[in-house]
Amino acid sequence: MGESGSGKELVARLIHEKSPRAHRSFVEVNCAAIPAELIESELFGHEKGSFTGAYERKKGKFELADGGTLFLDEVGDMSLQTQAKVLRIIETQEFQRVGGNKNISVDVRIVSATNKDFNEEVANGNFREDLFFRLNVIPLNVPPLRERKEDIPILVEYFLQSIAREYGRPVKKITRRALDLFIGYNWPGNVRELRNSIERLIIMTPSQTITERNVTFFNLRPHDYFSFKALREARDTFERDFILKKLQENNWNISRTAEVLQIERSNLHRKIKAFGLSQ
């Protein structure tokens, strides 16, 4: 479970790659992207002539993932009818292709992902409670990027290198002040938004160094403090942003910044360390 763009698919792939099933297939299904009338054919396959356009037999995702892992992305968007059939497969490890009458046995590990509140979905009748219990054996919560700010410098460096290789360009550097802007941003689109921002900066920055001015030019939106659920989280985020801004305004002069903030220098030093700020 986790917000869109937080890295749920990456977690699912790592589970597969670090497991005894790594030598077999990892098969992904985006349940939100497949029309309701086609998802059963995608999951279970179909026999030739089973419906208009079925010109040949087709294996479904369950069959292709036999011995490996099936990743059901955005599983909360699956129709109730399909949910019932998926539940049956989980219980029996058998299914029939659309238009078929032969049982097919499979050995599949299922990893599912959602950005929805499943307790709410079950309560509203949008998701079967029995299927939820079957899928929720080992729940994993992938935190949003704003809750793991320590990952941002690592991800920025990774994307700078991987995207440069993708475009056949030299790897750009990024200044500490520019990186601080990335760390201070809320990233509502999570890791996906971070990657897109780095890609845009690599393409559009003419020099080999990405500076604070380059990042500001692309106008990363400030935090929406009202989006936080807890007062402490909103307060800490505002305090960090405010201190960073005052440090930048005073060219990182600690004494002058402490005077402006009307706090002791020692207190400012502690806050700089606690918030992971640096020049």
Foldseek 3Di string as FASTA:
>chain_A
DEAAQLCLVVVVLVVQCPDPLVVADEAEDEQVVDDQVCVLCQAAWAADPLDPPRNHTDGHRQVRQFSGEYEYEQVLNHAPVVLVQVLVCLVVQWDAHRVGDDIDHGDYHYAYDHHDDVVVCVVVVSHPPSSCVVNVPDDDYRYFCLVVLVCQVVLLQVLQVVLCVVVVHDRAAEDQLLSVVVSLARPPNGSVVVSVLSNVLVVPPPDRYHYNVSSVVVPRDHDPLVVDPDPVSSVLSVVSVVLSVLCVVVVNPLVVSCVVVVHDSVVSVVSCVVSVHDD
